Amino acid sequence: MRLTIVILNVILPPIAVYIRYGAKKEFLMNLLLTCLGWIPGVIHAFIINDKYVQLFRKS
């Protein structure tokens, strides 16, 4: 992952997910998790952004 995405994953998880996916269900889920607790939002952001990178490495 790029360093900027990793930093955004930690500081502002919904913004990091929004950069990759836009305003779709992944972003809304991350926003909800971040509102419920910062750590669940960070974990979800890392999982989602890593999944995004793996999709493009396979193709």
N, C-alpha and C. Protein backbone atom coordinates (compact mmCIF):
# COMPACT_ATOMS: atom_id res chain seq x y z
N MET A 1 0.83 -1.18 0.00
CA MET A 1 0.00 0.00 0.00
C MET A 1 0.87 1.24 0.00
N ARG A 2 0.33 2.29 -0.55
CA ARG A 2 1.07 3.54 -0.55
C ARG A 2 1.07 4.13 0.85
N LEU A 3 2.12 4.87 1.13
CA LEU A 3 2.30 5.45 2.46
C LEU A 3 1.16 6.40 2.82
N THR A 4 0.69 7.19 1.85
CA THR A 4 -0.39 8.13 2.15
C THR A 4 -1.68 7.41 2.55
N ILE A 5 -1.97 6.30 1.90
CA ILE A 5 -3.17 5.53 2.25
C ILE A 5 -3.02 4.92 3.64
N VAL A 6 -1.83 4.45 3.98
CA VAL A 6 -1.60 3.87 5.30
C VAL A 6 -1.79 4.94 6.37
N ILE A 7 -1.25 6.13 6.14
CA ILE A 7 -1.41 7.21 7.10
C ILE A 7 -2.88 7.60 7.24
N LEU A 8 -3.59 7.70 6.12
CA LEU A 8 -5.01 8.02 6.18
C LEU A 8 -5.82 6.91 6.84
N ASN A 9 -5.41 5.66 6.67
CA ASN A 9 -6.09 4.55 7.34
C ASN A 9 -6.06 4.74 8.85
N VAL A 10 -4.96 5.26 9.35
CA VAL A 10 -4.81 5.42 10.79
C VAL A 10 -5.49 6.70 11.28
N ILE A 11 -5.31 7.80 10.56
CA ILE A 11 -5.81 9.09 11.03
C ILE A 11 -7.30 9.28 10.69
N LEU A 12 -7.66 9.09 9.44
CA LEU A 12 -9.04 9.29 8.98
C LEU A 12 -9.49 8.10 8.12
N PRO A 13 -9.89 7.01 8.75
CA PRO A 13 -10.23 5.80 7.99
C PRO A 13 -11.31 6.00 6.91
N PRO A 14 -12.39 6.75 7.17
CA PRO A 14 -13.40 6.89 6.11
C PRO A 14 -12.86 7.60 4.86
N ILE A 15 -11.97 8.55 5.04
CA ILE A 15 -11.40 9.26 3.89
C ILE A 15 -10.55 8.30 3.05
N ALA A 16 -9.79 7.43 3.70
CA ALA A 16 -8.96 6.46 2.97
C ALA A 16 -9.82 5.51 2.15
N VAL A 17 -10.93 5.08 2.71
CA VAL A 17 -11.83 4.18 1.97
C VAL A 17 -12.53 4.95 0.85
N TYR A 18 -12.91 6.19 1.10
CA TYR A 18 -13.57 7.00 0.09
C TYR A 18 -12.67 7.24 -1.13
N ILE A 19 -11.38 7.42 -0.90
CA ILE A 19 -10.43 7.63 -2.00
C ILE A 19 -10.42 6.42 -2.93
N ARG A 20 -10.49 5.23 -2.38
CA ARG A 20 -10.43 4.00 -3.18
C ARG A 20 -11.77 3.64 -3.82
N TYR A 21 -12.87 3.78 -3.08
CA TYR A 21 -14.16 3.25 -3.53
C TYR A 21 -15.21 4.30 -3.85
N GLY A 22 -15.05 5.52 -3.39
CA GLY A 22 -16.10 6.52 -3.56
C GLY A 22 -17.18 6.33 -2.50
N ALA A 23 -18.33 6.93 -2.72
CA ALA A 23 -19.42 6.87 -1.73
C ALA A 23 -20.28 5.64 -1.96
N LYS A 24 -19.70 4.48 -1.75
CA LYS A 24 -20.42 3.22 -1.91
C LYS A 24 -20.61 2.58 -0.55
N LYS A 25 -21.05 1.33 -0.54
CA LYS A 25 -21.34 0.65 0.72
C LYS A 25 -20.11 0.48 1.60
N GLU A 26 -18.93 0.33 1.01
CA GLU A 26 -17.71 0.19 1.80
C GLU A 26 -17.43 1.44 2.61
N PHE A 27 -17.63 2.60 1.97
CA PHE A 27 -17.43 3.87 2.67
C PHE A 27 -18.44 4.05 3.79
N LEU A 28 -19.70 3.76 3.52
CA LEU A 28 -20.73 3.92 4.54
C LEU A 28 -20.51 2.98 5.72
N MET A 29 -20.08 1.76 5.44
CA MET A 29 -19.78 0.81 6.51
C MET A 29 -18.62 1.31 7.36
N ASN A 30 -17.59 1.84 6.71
CA ASN A 30 -16.45 2.34 7.45
C ASN A 30 -16.82 3.57 8.26
N LEU A 31 -17.65 4.42 7.72
CA LEU A 31 -18.09 5.60 8.45
C LEU A 31 -18.86 5.20 9.70
N LEU A 32 -19.73 4.22 9.58
CA LEU A 32 -20.48 3.72 10.72
C LEU A 32 -19.55 3.11 11.77
N LEU A 33 -18.61 2.29 11.33
CA LEU A 33 -17.68 1.66 12.27
C LEU A 33 -16.81 2.70 12.96
N THR A 34 -16.40 3.73 12.24
CA THR A 34 -15.57 4.77 12.84
C THR A 34 -16.38 5.58 13.86
N CYS A 35 -17.65 5.80 13.58
CA CYS A 35 -18.50 6.50 14.55
C CYS A 35 -18.73 5.67 15.81
N LEU A 36 -18.82 4.36 15.66
CA LEU A 36 -19.01 3.49 16.81
C LEU A 36 -17.73 3.35 17.63
N GLY A 37 -16.61 3.45 16.98
CA GLY A 37 -15.32 3.33 17.65
C GLY A 37 -14.22 3.49 16.62
N TRP A 38 -13.21 4.23 16.97
CA TRP A 38 -12.15 4.54 16.02
C TRP A 38 -11.40 3.28 15.58
N ILE A 39 -11.10 2.41 16.50
CA ILE A 39 -10.30 1.21 16.18
C ILE A 39 -11.02 0.28 15.19
N PRO A 40 -12.31 0.00 15.34
CA PRO A 40 -12.97 -0.81 14.31
C PRO A 40 -12.91 -0.17 12.91
N GLY A 41 -12.99 1.15 12.86
CA GLY A 41 -12.88 1.85 11.58
C GLY A 41 -11.50 1.69 10.96
N VAL A 42 -10.48 1.76 11.79
CA VAL A 42 -9.10 1.59 11.29
C VAL A 42 -8.89 0.17 10.79
N ILE A 43 -9.34 -0.81 11.53
CA ILE A 43 -9.18 -2.20 11.12
C ILE A 43 -9.91 -2.45 9.80
N HIS A 44 -11.12 -1.96 9.69
CA HIS A 44 -11.90 -2.13 8.46
C HIS A 44 -11.21 -1.44 7.29
N ALA A 45 -10.67 -0.25 7.50
CA ALA A 45 -9.98 0.47 6.42
C ALA A 45 -8.78 -0.31 5.92
N PHE A 46 -8.00 -0.88 6.82
CA PHE A 46 -6.84 -1.67 6.40
C PHE A 46 -7.28 -2.91 5.62
N ILE A 47 -8.31 -3.58 6.07
CA ILE A 47 -8.79 -4.79 5.38
C ILE A 47 -9.31 -4.43 4.00
N ILE A 48 -10.13 -3.40 3.90
CA ILE A 48 -10.73 -3.01 2.63
C ILE A 48 -9.66 -2.54 1.64
N ASN A 49 -8.73 -1.70 2.09
CA ASN A 49 -7.71 -1.20 1.17
C ASN A 49 -6.73 -2.28 0.76
N ASP A 50 -6.46 -3.24 1.63
CA ASP A 50 -5.59 -4.35 1.24
C ASP A 50 -6.28 -5.23 0.22
N LYS A 51 -7.57 -5.44 0.37
CA LYS A 51 -8.34 -6.23 -0.60
C LYS A 51 -8.34 -5.54 -1.97
N TYR A 52 -8.42 -4.21 -1.98
CA TYR A 52 -8.40 -3.43 -3.21
C TYR A 52 -7.06 -3.61 -3.92
N VAL A 53 -5.96 -3.58 -3.18
CA VAL A 53 -4.63 -3.75 -3.77
C VAL A 53 -4.46 -5.15 -4.32
N GLN A 54 -4.95 -6.16 -3.62
CA GLN A 54 -4.80 -7.54 -4.06
C GLN A 54 -5.58 -7.81 -5.34
N LEU A 55 -6.71 -7.14 -5.54
CA LEU A 55 -7.48 -7.32 -6.77
C LEU A 55 -6.67 -6.88 -8.00
N PHE A 56 -5.93 -5.80 -7.86
CA PHE A 56 -5.16 -5.30 -8.99
C PHE A 56 -3.83 -6.03 -9.17
N ARG A 57 -3.33 -6.67 -8.13
CA ARG A 57 -2.11 -7.46 -8.28
C ARG A 57 -2.38 -8.74 -9.04
N LYS A 58 -3.59 -9.29 -8.91
CA LYS A 58 -3.93 -10.53 -9.61
C LYS A 58 -4.11 -10.33 -11.10
N SER A 59 -4.58 -9.16 -11.49
CA SER A 59 -4.86 -8.96 -12.92
C SER A 59 -3.67 -8.45 -13.69
